[in-house]
Amino acid sequence: MERRLVAVAGSGRRRWTPAGGGAAAAGVALRRKVRELRRLVPGGEEAPARSLLVRTADYIVRLRARVELLRALSAFYDLPRHDGAGAGVPPRP
């Protein structure tokens, strides 16, 4: 049986695996990624895999809108940014 050296996803390590095992490894990696998406996306735990991708795309759009809103509010109130720029809101009398 032929063997080859493959990288273990996310570990920075390599291990020997039987040749042709790439499809099985890809399936394992895909299941791991779907499980992680289910954990991250609200309502993803009970969603079927196909609708999970739609929920993920919708969630990304909502997160981007939220970031834009927070940036606009920050600019409006001139709050200090994470890089230290901005004067901040003067204290109330």
PDB file of N, CA and C in Angstrom:
ATOM      1  N   MET A   1       0.843  -1.178   0.000  1.00  0.00           N
ATOM      2  CA  MET A   1       0.000   0.000   0.000  1.00  0.00           C
ATOM      3  C   MET A   1       0.888   1.240   0.000  1.00  0.00           C
ATOM      4  N   GLU A   2       0.598   2.132  -0.882  1.00  0.00           N
ATOM      5  CA  GLU A   2       1.364   3.375  -0.983  1.00  0.00           C
ATOM      6  C   GLU A   2       0.907   4.344   0.114  1.00  0.00           C
ATOM      7  N   ARG A   3       1.873   5.082   0.676  1.00  0.00           N
ATOM      8  CA  ARG A   3       1.542   6.075   1.706  1.00  0.00           C
ATOM      9  C   ARG A   3       2.147   7.405   1.299  1.00  0.00           C
ATOM     10  N   ARG A   4       1.582   8.478   1.809  1.00  0.00           N
ATOM     11  CA  ARG A   4       2.110   9.805   1.502  1.00  0.00           C
ATOM     12  C   ARG A   4       2.012  10.688   2.735  1.00  0.00           C
ATOM     13  N   LEU A   5       2.802  11.740   2.738  1.00  0.00           N
ATOM     14  CA  LEU A   5       2.849  12.683   3.843  1.00  0.00           C
ATOM     15  C   LEU A   5       1.854  13.800   3.574  1.00  0.00           C
ATOM     16  N   VAL A   6       0.956  14.058   4.530  1.00  0.00           N
ATOM     17  CA  VAL A   6      -0.031  15.128   4.367  1.00  0.00           C
ATOM     18  C   VAL A   6      -0.004  16.027   5.597  1.00  0.00           C
ATOM     19  N   ALA A   7      -0.410  17.272   5.391  1.00  0.00           N
ATOM     20  CA  ALA A   7      -0.494  18.219   6.503  1.00  0.00           C
ATOM     21  C   ALA A   7      -1.788  17.975   7.263  1.00  0.00           C
ATOM     22  N   VAL A   8      -1.719  18.045   8.583  1.00  0.00           N
ATOM     23  CA  VAL A   8      -2.904  17.942   9.423  1.00  0.00           C
ATOM     24  C   VAL A   8      -3.468  19.347   9.560  1.00  0.00           C
ATOM     25  N   ALA A   9      -4.725  19.520   9.180  1.00  0.00           N
ATOM     26  CA  ALA A   9      -5.347  20.849   9.138  1.00  0.00           C
ATOM     27  C   ALA A   9      -5.267  21.542  10.487  1.00  0.00           C
ATOM     28  N   GLY A  10      -4.782  22.778  10.468  1.00  0.00           N
ATOM     29  CA  GLY A  10      -4.777  23.630  11.642  1.00  0.00           C
ATOM     30  C   GLY A  10      -3.732  23.312  12.689  1.00  0.00           C
ATOM     31  N   SER A  11      -2.940  22.270  12.488  1.00  0.00           N
ATOM     32  CA  SER A  11      -1.999  21.898  13.542  1.00  0.00           C
ATOM     33  C   SER A  11      -0.557  22.238  13.210  1.00  0.00           C
ATOM     34  N   GLY A  12      -0.269  22.496  11.927  1.00  0.00           N
ATOM     35  CA  GLY A  12       1.099  22.759  11.530  1.00  0.00           C
ATOM     36  C   GLY A  12       1.948  21.497  11.499  1.00  0.00           C
ATOM     37  N   ARG A  13       1.313  20.333  11.693  1.00  0.00           N
ATOM     38  CA  ARG A  13       2.036  19.061  11.683  1.00  0.00           C
ATOM     39  C   ARG A  13       1.746  18.304  10.402  1.00  0.00           C
ATOM     40  N   ARG A  14       2.529  17.260  10.182  1.00  0.00           N
ATOM     41  CA  ARG A  14       2.308  16.379   9.038  1.00  0.00           C
ATOM     42  C   ARG A  14       2.238  14.951   9.556  1.00  0.00           C
ATOM     43  N   ARG A  15       1.514  14.116   8.822  1.00  0.00           N
ATOM     44  CA  ARG A  15       1.438  12.704   9.196  1.00  0.00           C
ATOM     45  C   ARG A  15       1.338  11.866   7.934  1.00  0.00           C
ATOM     46  N   TRP A  16       1.678  10.603   8.078  1.00  0.00           N
ATOM     47  CA  TRP A  16       1.595   9.676   6.951  1.00  0.00           C
ATOM     48  C   TRP A  16       0.187   9.134   6.879  1.00  0.00           C
ATOM     49  N   THR A  17      -0.362   9.065   5.660  1.00  0.00           N
ATOM     50  CA  THR A  17      -1.708   8.544   5.445  1.00  0.00           C
ATOM     51  C   THR A  17      -1.707   7.690   4.184  1.00  0.00           C
ATOM     52  N   PRO A  18      -2.622   6.747   4.079  1.00  0.00           N
ATOM     53  CA  PRO A  18      -2.680   5.947   2.856  1.00  0.00           C
ATOM     54  C   PRO A  18      -2.992   6.822   1.653  1.00  0.00           C
ATOM     55  N   ALA A  19      -2.386   6.499   0.508  1.00  0.00           N
ATOM     56  CA  ALA A  19      -2.656   7.248  -0.718  1.00  0.00           C
ATOM     57  C   ALA A  19      -4.126   7.082  -1.072  1.00  0.00           C
ATOM     58  N   GLY A  20      -4.706   8.122  -1.631  1.00  0.00           N
ATOM     59  CA  GLY A  20      -6.112   8.073  -2.000  1.00  0.00           C
ATOM     60  C   GLY A  20      -7.036   8.427  -0.857  1.00  0.00           C
ATOM     61  N   GLY A  21      -6.496   8.729   0.298  1.00  0.00           N
ATOM     62  CA  GLY A  21      -7.315   9.084   1.449  1.00  0.00           C
ATOM     63  C   GLY A  21      -7.722  10.537   1.460  1.00  0.00           C
ATOM     64  N   GLY A  22      -7.429  11.248   0.389  1.00  0.00           N
ATOM     65  CA  GLY A  22      -7.742  12.671   0.338  1.00  0.00           C
ATOM     66  C   GLY A  22      -9.221  12.962   0.405  1.00  0.00           C
ATOM     67  N   ALA A  23     -10.032  12.118  -0.217  1.00  0.00           N
ATOM     68  CA  ALA A  23     -11.479  12.346  -0.202  1.00  0.00           C
ATOM     69  C   ALA A  23     -12.026  12.209   1.211  1.00  0.00           C
ATOM     70  N   ALA A  24     -11.545  11.214   1.939  1.00  0.00           N
ATOM     71  CA  ALA A  24     -12.000  11.030   3.315  1.00  0.00           C
ATOM     72  C   ALA A  24     -11.555  12.199   4.182  1.00  0.00           C
ATOM     73  N   ALA A  25     -10.325  12.637   3.997  1.00  0.00           N
ATOM     74  CA  ALA A  25      -9.816  13.768   4.778  1.00  0.00           C
ATOM     75  C   ALA A  25     -10.589  15.036   4.446  1.00  0.00           C
ATOM     76  N   ALA A  26     -10.934  15.211   3.176  1.00  0.00           N
ATOM     77  CA  ALA A  26     -11.708  16.387   2.781  1.00  0.00           C
ATOM     78  C   ALA A  26     -13.090  16.347   3.414  1.00  0.00           C
ATOM     79  N   GLY A  27     -13.682  15.161   3.500  1.00  0.00           N
ATOM     80  CA  GLY A  27     -14.989  15.021   4.138  1.00  0.00           C
ATOM     81  C   GLY A  27     -14.934  15.369   5.611  1.00  0.00           C
ATOM     82  N   VAL A  28     -13.876  14.934   6.274  1.00  0.00           N
ATOM     83  CA  VAL A  28     -13.695  15.253   7.696  1.00  0.00           C
ATOM     84  C   VAL A  28     -13.526  16.755   7.877  1.00  0.00           C
ATOM     85  N   ALA A  29     -12.718  17.372   7.031  1.00  0.00           N
ATOM     86  CA  ALA A  29     -12.495  18.820   7.124  1.00  0.00           C
ATOM     87  C   ALA A  29     -13.792  19.578   6.868  1.00  0.00           C
ATOM     88  N   LEU A  30     -14.580  19.135   5.899  1.00  0.00           N
ATOM     89  CA  LEU A  30     -15.846  19.796   5.598  1.00  0.00           C
ATOM     90  C   LEU A  30     -16.809  19.681   6.770  1.00  0.00           C
ATOM     91  N   ARG A  31     -16.909  18.498   7.370  1.00  0.00           N
ATOM     92  CA  ARG A  31     -17.792  18.330   8.533  1.00  0.00           C
ATOM     93  C   ARG A  31     -17.344  19.216   9.686  1.00  0.00           C
ATOM     94  N   ARG A  32     -16.041  19.352   9.870  1.00  0.00           N
ATOM     95  CA  ARG A  32     -15.517  20.201  10.939  1.00  0.00           C
ATOM     96  C   ARG A  32     -15.895  21.662  10.687  1.00  0.00           C
ATOM     97  N   LYS A  33     -15.797  22.099   9.443  1.00  0.00           N
ATOM     98  CA  LYS A  33     -16.135  23.485   9.108  1.00  0.00           C
ATOM     99  C   LYS A  33     -17.631  23.744   9.250  1.00  0.00           C
ATOM    100  N   VAL A  34     -18.452  22.786   8.856  1.00  0.00           N
ATOM    101  CA  VAL A  34     -19.903  22.935   9.018  1.00  0.00           C
ATOM    102  C   VAL A  34     -20.251  23.000  10.499  1.00  0.00           C
ATOM    103  N   ARG A  35     -19.618  22.166  11.308  1.00  0.00           N
ATOM    104  CA  ARG A  35     -19.862  22.186  12.752  1.00  0.00           C
ATOM    105  C   ARG A  35     -19.485  23.547  13.344  1.00  0.00           C
ATOM    106  N   GLU A  36     -18.377  24.118  12.898  1.00  0.00           N
ATOM    107  CA  GLU A  36     -17.951  25.433  13.382  1.00  0.00           C
ATOM    108  C   GLU A  36     -18.938  26.516  12.943  1.00  0.00           C
ATOM    109  N   LEU A  37     -19.419  26.453  11.703  1.00  0.00           N
ATOM    110  CA  LEU A  37     -20.428  27.412  11.244  1.00  0.00           C
ATOM    111  C   LEU A  37     -21.689  27.303  12.090  1.00  0.00           C
ATOM    112  N   ARG A  38     -22.121  26.088  12.379  1.00  0.00           N
ATOM    113  CA  ARG A  38     -23.315  25.899  13.210  1.00  0.00           C
ATOM    114  C   ARG A  38     -23.140  26.579  14.564  1.00  0.00           C
ATOM    115  N   ARG A  39     -21.942  26.531  15.085  1.00  0.00           N
ATOM    116  CA  ARG A  39     -21.674  27.140  16.390  1.00  0.00           C
ATOM    117  C   ARG A  39     -21.673  28.660  16.307  1.00  0.00           C
ATOM    118  N   LEU A  40     -21.180  29.224  15.204  1.00  0.00           N
ATOM    119  CA  LEU A  40     -21.009  30.669  15.079  1.00  0.00           C
ATOM    120  C   LEU A  40     -22.259  31.414  14.627  1.00  0.00           C
ATOM    121  N   VAL A  41     -23.058  30.795  13.766  1.00  0.00           N
ATOM    122  CA  VAL A  41     -24.198  31.476  13.158  1.00  0.00           C
ATOM    123  C   VAL A  41     -25.431  31.281  14.034  1.00  0.00           C
ATOM    124  N   PRO A  42     -26.093  32.376  14.428  1.00  0.00           N
ATOM    125  CA  PRO A  42     -27.315  32.240  15.232  1.00  0.00           C
ATOM    126  C   PRO A  42     -28.357  31.393  14.501  1.00  0.00           C
ATOM    127  N   GLY A  43     -28.924  30.427  15.191  1.00  0.00           N
ATOM    128  CA  GLY A  43     -29.910  29.535  14.602  1.00  0.00           C
ATOM    129  C   GLY A  43     -29.303  28.437  13.760  1.00  0.00           C
ATOM    130  N   GLY A  44     -27.992  28.365  13.698  1.00  0.00           N
ATOM    131  CA  GLY A  44     -27.327  27.384  12.853  1.00  0.00           C
ATOM    132  C   GLY A  44     -27.363  25.969  13.390  1.00  0.00           C
ATOM    133  N   GLU A  45     -27.545  25.816  14.696  1.00  0.00           N
ATOM    134  CA  GLU A  45     -27.522  24.480  15.286  1.00  0.00           C
ATOM    135  C   GLU A  45     -28.623  23.589  14.734  1.00  0.00           C
ATOM    136  N   GLU A  46     -29.804  24.171  14.487  1.00  0.00           N
ATOM    137  CA  GLU A  46     -30.917  23.350  14.023  1.00  0.00           C
ATOM    138  C   GLU A  46     -31.147  23.443  12.513  1.00  0.00           C
ATOM    139  N   ALA A  47     -30.365  24.246  11.808  1.00  0.00           N
ATOM    140  CA  ALA A  47     -30.556  24.434  10.364  1.00  0.00           C
ATOM    141  C   ALA A  47     -29.919  23.291   9.576  1.00  0.00           C
ATOM    142  N   PRO A  48     -30.602  22.826   8.521  1.00  0.00           N
ATOM    143  CA  PRO A  48     -29.958  21.853   7.627  1.00  0.00           C
ATOM    144  C   PRO A  48     -28.746  22.489   6.950  1.00  0.00           C
ATOM    145  N   ALA A  49     -27.817  21.681   6.502  1.00  0.00           N
ATOM    146  CA  ALA A  49     -26.561  22.192   5.943  1.00  0.00           C
ATOM    147  C   ALA A  49     -26.793  23.162   4.790  1.00  0.00           C
ATOM    148  N   ARG A  50     -27.756  22.879   3.915  1.00  0.00           N
ATOM    149  CA  ARG A  50     -27.993  23.768   2.769  1.00  0.00           C
ATOM    150  C   ARG A  50     -28.462  25.144   3.219  1.00  0.00           C
ATOM    151  N   SER A  51     -29.395  25.188   4.162  1.00  0.00           N
ATOM    152  CA  SER A  51     -29.874  26.498   4.605  1.00  0.00           C
ATOM    153  C   SER A  51     -28.868  27.164   5.539  1.00  0.00           C
ATOM    154  N   LEU A  52     -27.948  26.392   6.102  1.00  0.00           N
ATOM    155  CA  LEU A  52     -26.901  26.971   6.943  1.00  0.00           C
ATOM    156  C   LEU A  52     -26.049  27.951   6.147  1.00  0.00           C
ATOM    157  N   LEU A  53     -25.763  27.631   4.893  1.00  0.00           N
ATOM    158  CA  LEU A  53     -24.969  28.535   4.061  1.00  0.00           C
ATOM    159  C   LEU A  53     -25.722  29.834   3.789  1.00  0.00           C
ATOM    160  N   VAL A  54     -27.030  29.754   3.573  1.00  0.00           N
ATOM    161  CA  VAL A  54     -27.839  30.960   3.363  1.00  0.00           C
ATOM    162  C   VAL A  54     -27.876  31.780   4.646  1.00  0.00           C
ATOM    163  N   ARG A  55     -28.072  31.108   5.782  1.00  0.00           N
ATOM    164  CA  ARG A  55     -28.066  31.816   7.071  1.00  0.00           C
ATOM    165  C   ARG A  55     -26.718  32.492   7.314  1.00  0.00           C
ATOM    166  N   THR A  56     -25.643  31.816   6.946  1.00  0.00           N
ATOM    167  CA  THR A  56     -24.305  32.381   7.120  1.00  0.00           C
ATOM    168  C   THR A  56     -24.141  33.644   6.290  1.00  0.00           C
ATOM    169  N   ALA A  57     -24.570  33.598   5.029  1.00  0.00           N
ATOM    170  CA  ALA A  57     -24.474  34.782   4.165  1.00  0.00           C
ATOM    171  C   ALA A  57     -25.310  35.927   4.726  1.00  0.00           C
ATOM    172  N   ASP A  58     -26.524  35.637   5.187  1.00  0.00           N
ATOM    173  CA  ASP A  58     -27.376  36.672   5.780  1.00  0.00           C
ATOM    174  C   ASP A  58     -26.728  37.261   7.030  1.00  0.00           C
ATOM    175  N   TYR A  59     -26.128  36.406   7.837  1.00  0.00           N
ATOM    176  CA  TYR A  59     -25.483  36.861   9.066  1.00  0.00           C
ATOM    177  C   TYR A  59     -24.303  37.775   8.754  1.00  0.00           C
ATOM    178  N   ILE A  60     -23.537  37.451   7.730  1.00  0.00           N
ATOM    179  CA  ILE A  60     -22.408  38.298   7.329  1.00  0.00           C
ATOM    180  C   ILE A  60     -22.908  39.670   6.900  1.00  0.00           C
ATOM    181  N   VAL A  61     -24.006  39.704   6.137  1.00  0.00           N
ATOM    182  CA  VAL A  61     -24.581  40.986   5.704  1.00  0.00           C
ATOM    183  C   VAL A  61     -25.016  41.794   6.918  1.00  0.00           C
ATOM    184  N   ARG A  62     -25.676  41.148   7.886  1.00  0.00           N
ATOM    185  CA  ARG A  62     -26.115  41.869   9.096  1.00  0.00           C
ATOM    186  C   ARG A  62     -24.923  42.376   9.900  1.00  0.00           C
ATOM    187  N   LEU A  63     -23.869  41.578  10.007  1.00  0.00           N
ATOM    188  CA  LEU A  63     -22.683  42.019  10.741  1.00  0.00           C
ATOM    189  C   LEU A  63     -22.021  43.214  10.068  1.00  0.00           C
ATOM    190  N   ARG A  64     -21.944  43.193   8.741  1.00  0.00           N
ATOM    191  CA  ARG A  64     -21.365  44.335   8.017  1.00  0.00           C
ATOM    192  C   ARG A  64     -22.187  45.593   8.244  1.00  0.00           C
ATOM    193  N   ALA A  65     -23.508  45.465   8.210  1.00  0.00           N
ATOM    194  CA  ALA A  65     -24.376  46.623   8.453  1.00  0.00           C
ATOM    195  C   ALA A  65     -24.167  47.154   9.866  1.00  0.00           C
ATOM    196  N   ARG A  66     -24.016  46.254  10.822  1.00  0.00           N
ATOM    197  CA  ARG A  66     -23.799  46.672  12.207  1.00  0.00           C
ATOM    198  C   ARG A  66     -22.463  47.409  12.349  1.00  0.00           C
ATOM    199  N   VAL A  67     -21.426  46.913  11.681  1.00  0.00           N
ATOM    200  CA  VAL A  67     -20.114  47.570  11.719  1.00  0.00           C
ATOM    201  C   VAL A  67     -20.207  48.963  11.105  1.00  0.00           C
ATOM    202  N   GLU A  68     -20.898  49.082   9.970  1.00  0.00           N
ATOM    203  CA  GLU A  68     -21.059  50.398   9.338  1.00  0.00           C
ATOM    204  C   GLU A  68     -21.804  51.355  10.255  1.00  0.00           C
ATOM    205  N   LEU A  69     -22.855  50.873  10.923  1.00  0.00           N
ATOM    206  CA  LEU A  69     -23.603  51.717  11.858  1.00  0.00           C
ATOM    207  C   LEU A  69     -22.709  52.171  13.009  1.00  0.00           C
ATOM    208  N   LEU A  70     -21.949  51.257  13.570  1.00  0.00           N
ATOM    209  CA  LEU A  70     -21.064  51.615  14.683  1.00  0.00           C
ATOM    210  C   LEU A  70     -19.977  52.590  14.248  1.00  0.00           C
ATOM    211  N   ARG A  71     -19.464  52.435  13.033  1.00  0.00           N
ATOM    212  CA  ARG A  71     -18.477  53.393  12.530  1.00  0.00           C
ATOM    213  C   ARG A  71     -19.098  54.771  12.360  1.00  0.00           C
ATOM    214  N   ALA A  72     -20.322  54.816  11.841  1.00  0.00           N
ATOM    215  CA  ALA A  72     -21.003  56.096  11.660  1.00  0.00           C
ATOM    216  C   ALA A  72     -21.266  56.756  13.008  1.00  0.00           C
ATOM    217  N   LEU A  73     -21.715  55.985  13.989  1.00  0.00           N
ATOM    218  CA  LEU A  73     -21.940  56.541  15.325  1.00  0.00           C
ATOM    219  C   LEU A  73     -20.638  57.026  15.945  1.00  0.00           C
ATOM    220  N   SER A  74     -19.582  56.265  15.751  1.00  0.00           N
ATOM    221  CA  SER A  74     -18.282  56.660  16.274  1.00  0.00           C
ATOM    222  C   SER A  74     -17.822  57.972  15.647  1.00  0.00           C
ATOM    223  N   ALA A  75     -17.998  58.098  14.333  1.00  0.00           N
ATOM    224  CA  ALA A  75     -17.607  59.340  13.657  1.00  0.00           C
ATOM    225  C   ALA A  75     -18.484  60.496  14.115  1.00  0.00           C
ATOM    226  N   PHE A  76     -19.771  60.244  14.310  1.00  0.00           N
ATOM    227  CA  PHE A  76     -20.695  61.291  14.739  1.00  0.00           C
ATOM    228  C   PHE A  76     -20.306  61.831  16.111  1.00  0.00           C
ATOM    229  N   TYR A  77     -20.000  60.936  17.023  1.00  0.00           N
ATOM    230  CA  TYR A  77     -19.636  61.349  18.376  1.00  0.00           C
ATOM    231  C   TYR A  77     -18.143  61.590  18.527  1.00  0.00           C
ATOM    232  N   ASP A  78     -17.373  61.358  17.473  1.00  0.00           N
ATOM    233  CA  ASP A  78     -15.923  61.525  17.472  1.00  0.00           C
ATOM    234  C   ASP A  78     -15.278  60.765  18.624  1.00  0.00           C
ATOM    235  N   LEU A  79     -15.694  59.520  18.773  1.00  0.00           N
ATOM    236  CA  LEU A  79     -15.110  58.675  19.814  1.00  0.00           C
ATOM    237  C   LEU A  79     -13.708  58.258  19.398  1.00  0.00           C
ATOM    238  N   PRO A  80     -12.823  58.051  20.360  1.00  0.00           N
ATOM    239  CA  PRO A  80     -11.483  57.581  20.007  1.00  0.00           C
ATOM    240  C   PRO A  80     -11.575  56.230  19.310  1.00  0.00           C
ATOM    241  N   ARG A  81     -10.763  56.052  18.288  1.00  0.00           N
ATOM    242  CA  ARG A  81     -10.725  54.780  17.586  1.00  0.00           C
ATOM    243  C   ARG A  81      -9.743  53.864  18.290  1.00  0.00           C
ATOM    244  N   HIS A  82      -9.737  52.611  17.881  1.00  0.00           N
ATOM    245  CA  HIS A  82      -8.841  51.632  18.509  1.00  0.00           C
ATOM    246  C   HIS A  82      -7.378  51.976  18.307  1.00  0.00           C
ATOM    247  N   ASP A  83      -7.074  52.825  17.296  1.00  0.00           N
ATOM    248  CA  ASP A  83      -5.674  53.180  17.057  1.00  0.00           C
ATOM    249  C   ASP A  83      -5.258  54.425  17.844  1.00  0.00           C
ATOM    250  N   GLY A  84      -6.151  54.922  18.702  1.00  0.00           N
ATOM    251  CA  GLY A  84      -5.822  56.063  19.549  1.00  0.00           C
ATOM    252  C   GLY A  84      -6.153  57.404  18.943  1.00  0.00           C
ATOM    253  N   ALA A  85      -6.598  57.452  17.677  1.00  0.00           N
ATOM    254  CA  ALA A  85      -6.946  58.726  17.041  1.00  0.00           C
ATOM    255  C   ALA A  85      -8.322  59.171  17.513  1.00  0.00           C
ATOM    256  N   GLY A  86      -8.622  60.436  17.378  1.00  0.00           N
ATOM    257  CA  GLY A  86      -9.921  60.978  17.770  1.00  0.00           C
ATOM    258  C   GLY A  86      -9.836  61.661  19.116  1.00  0.00           C
ATOM    259  N   ALA A  87     -10.584  62.737  19.248  1.00  0.00           N
ATOM    260  CA  ALA A  87     -10.490  63.545  20.463  1.00  0.00           C
ATOM    261  C   ALA A  87     -11.340  62.998  21.588  1.00  0.00           C
ATOM    262  N   GLY A  88     -12.368  62.237  21.268  1.00  0.00           N
ATOM    263  CA  GLY A  88     -13.249  61.731  22.306  1.00  0.00           C
ATOM    264  C   GLY A  88     -14.354  62.718  22.620  1.00  0.00           C
ATOM    265  N   VAL A  89     -15.307  62.277  23.388  1.00  0.00           N
ATOM    266  CA  VAL A  89     -16.447  63.107  23.766  1.00  0.00           C
ATOM    267  C   VAL A  89     -16.061  63.912  24.991  1.00  0.00           C
ATOM    268  N   PRO A  90     -16.294  65.235  24.957  1.00  0.00           N
ATOM    269  CA  PRO A  90     -15.958  66.026  26.145  1.00  0.00           C
ATOM    270  C   PRO A  90     -16.851  65.622  27.314  1.00  0.00           C
ATOM    271  N   PRO A  91     -16.333  65.723  28.529  1.00  0.00           N
ATOM    272  CA  PRO A  91     -17.139  65.338  29.688  1.00  0.00           C
ATOM    273  C   PRO A  91     -18.328  66.273  29.853  1.00  0.00           C
ATOM    274  N   ARG A  92     -19.414  65.729  30.386  1.00  0.00           N
ATOM    275  CA  ARG A  92     -20.609  66.542  30.634  1.00  0.00           C
ATOM    276  C   ARG A  92     -20.383  67.429  31.846  1.00  0.00           C
ATOM    277  N   PRO A  93     -20.945  68.646  31.803  1.00  0.00           N
ATOM    278  CA  PRO A  93     -20.781  69.555  32.960  1.00  0.00           C
ATOM    279  C   PRO A  93     -21.552  69.097  34.168  1.00  0.00           C
TER     280      PRO A  93
END
